[in-house]
Amino acid sequence: KRARLQKELTFQDLYENQELFDEDDDEDGDWDPSQLQKCVEVIKWLCKNCTMDNINDDVCCRICGEHKDSKILSLGHFASPFAPDEDLNEIQPTIKGLRGEYAC
């Protein structure tokens, strides 16, 4: 078999002698896909402001900086991009203190 492979093969030779090249198929017989490691699903969330996906560990959007739990859809431009908006009147004083200290 090896001597025949040493010479230059034409396409016809390759077609007629496929059994010489199918040796790898026998080695794959014991392969089991269940032996593969289980894939880890990455949990993502979509930003309500720019709709880009973010990893679940992120608190603020990595594109626009909007907070994960922002109420921008219900409060519009009055919503804070830096903290979750539970009550608009309650959150405004807190944000002013955070602007210099907290950045997403």
Protein backbone atom coordinates (compact mmCIF):
# COMPACT_ATOMS: atom_id res chain seq x y z
CA LYS A 1 0.00 0.00 0.00
CA ARG A 2 2.75 2.45 0.94
CA ALA A 3 4.66 1.88 -2.30
CA ARG A 4 1.59 2.75 -4.32
CA LEU A 5 1.05 5.96 -2.31
CA GLN A 6 4.62 7.08 -2.92
CA LYS A 7 4.09 7.70 -6.64
CA GLU A 8 2.02 10.58 -7.92
CA LEU A 9 -1.64 9.65 -7.97
CA THR A 10 -4.13 10.81 -10.54
CA PHE A 11 -7.74 11.56 -9.70
CA GLN A 12 -8.69 8.22 -11.22
CA ASP A 13 -6.18 6.45 -8.94
CA LEU A 14 -7.64 8.24 -5.93
CA TYR A 15 -11.18 7.29 -6.91
CA GLU A 16 -10.33 3.64 -7.56
CA ASN A 17 -8.32 3.25 -4.34
CA GLN A 18 -10.48 5.02 -1.78
CA GLU A 19 -9.97 2.23 0.73
CA LEU A 20 -6.36 3.38 1.11
CA PHE A 21 -7.50 6.74 2.39
CA ASP A 22 -10.42 5.64 4.58
CA GLU A 23 -8.23 4.39 7.44
CA ASP A 24 -9.23 7.27 9.73
CA ASP A 25 -12.91 6.30 9.61
CA ASP A 26 -12.23 3.13 11.60
CA GLU A 27 -10.50 5.12 14.35
CA ASP A 28 -13.60 7.25 14.91
CA GLY A 29 -15.81 4.28 15.77
CA ASP A 30 -15.32 4.61 19.53
CA TRP A 31 -15.99 8.36 19.59
CA ASP A 32 -18.91 9.28 21.82
CA PRO A 33 -20.34 12.82 21.76
CA SER A 34 -21.57 12.46 25.35
CA GLN A 35 -17.93 12.43 26.47
CA LEU A 36 -17.61 16.08 25.54
CA GLN A 37 -17.67 18.56 28.38
CA LYS A 38 -21.02 20.17 28.97
CA CYS A 39 -21.24 23.64 27.49
CA VAL A 40 -21.66 26.50 29.93
CA GLU A 41 -24.55 28.76 29.02
CA VAL A 42 -23.68 32.42 29.33
CA ILE A 43 -26.61 34.37 30.72
CA LYS A 44 -27.09 37.71 29.01
CA TRP A 45 -29.46 40.64 29.36
CA LEU A 46 -30.49 43.18 26.74
CA CYS A 47 -30.05 46.87 27.45
CA LYS A 48 -33.37 48.70 27.43
CA ASN A 49 -31.72 51.81 26.01
CA CYS A 50 -29.49 50.59 23.15
CA THR A 51 -30.72 46.93 22.95
CA MET A 52 -27.18 45.51 22.97
CA ASP A 53 -26.58 42.27 24.87
CA ASN A 54 -24.52 42.25 28.07
CA ILE A 55 -23.19 39.54 30.37
CA ASN A 56 -25.35 38.90 33.45
CA ASP A 57 -22.57 40.02 35.84
CA ASP A 58 -22.57 43.53 34.35
CA VAL A 59 -24.70 46.07 36.22
CA CYS A 60 -24.44 48.73 33.53
CA CYS A 61 -24.50 48.36 29.76
CA ARG A 62 -20.98 48.20 28.36
CA ILE A 63 -22.06 50.18 25.27
CA CYS A 64 -24.20 53.06 26.55
CA GLY A 65 -23.77 52.85 30.35
CA GLU A 66 -27.50 52.40 31.07
CA HIS A 67 -28.28 50.53 34.32
CA LYS A 68 -29.52 46.96 33.99
CA ASP A 69 -32.80 47.71 35.81
CA SER A 70 -33.37 51.13 34.26
CA LYS A 71 -36.91 52.41 33.81
CA ILE A 72 -36.05 54.38 30.68
CA LEU A 73 -39.00 52.85 28.82
CA SER A 74 -41.53 54.13 31.35
CA LEU A 75 -39.82 57.38 32.48
CA GLY A 76 -38.12 58.41 29.24
CA HIS A 77 -35.23 60.86 29.55
CA PHE A 78 -36.02 61.36 33.28
CA ALA A 79 -34.74 57.86 33.99
CA SER A 80 -31.31 57.63 35.57
CA PRO A 81 -28.66 55.83 33.52
CA PHE A 82 -26.61 55.04 36.63
CA ALA A 83 -29.00 53.33 39.06
CA PRO A 84 -32.26 51.42 39.11
CA ASP A 85 -35.22 53.79 39.28
CA GLU A 86 -37.55 52.73 42.06
CA ASP A 87 -38.95 56.19 42.65
CA LEU A 88 -37.93 59.14 40.51
CA ASN A 89 -38.07 61.63 43.40
CA GLU A 90 -36.07 59.35 45.67
CA ILE A 91 -33.35 58.49 43.17
CA GLN A 92 -32.41 61.98 41.92
CA PRO A 93 -30.51 63.18 45.04
CA THR A 94 -28.60 59.90 45.21
CA ILE A 95 -27.44 60.11 41.62
CA LYS A 96 -25.90 63.54 42.09
CA GLY A 97 -23.65 62.05 44.76
CA LEU A 98 -22.78 59.06 42.62
CA ARG A 99 -21.76 60.88 39.44
CA GLY A 100 -18.24 61.64 40.68
CA GLU A 101 -17.74 58.39 42.57
CA TYR A 102 -19.56 55.74 40.57
CA ALA A 103 -19.00 54.99 36.92
CA CYS A 104 -20.33 52.04 34.98
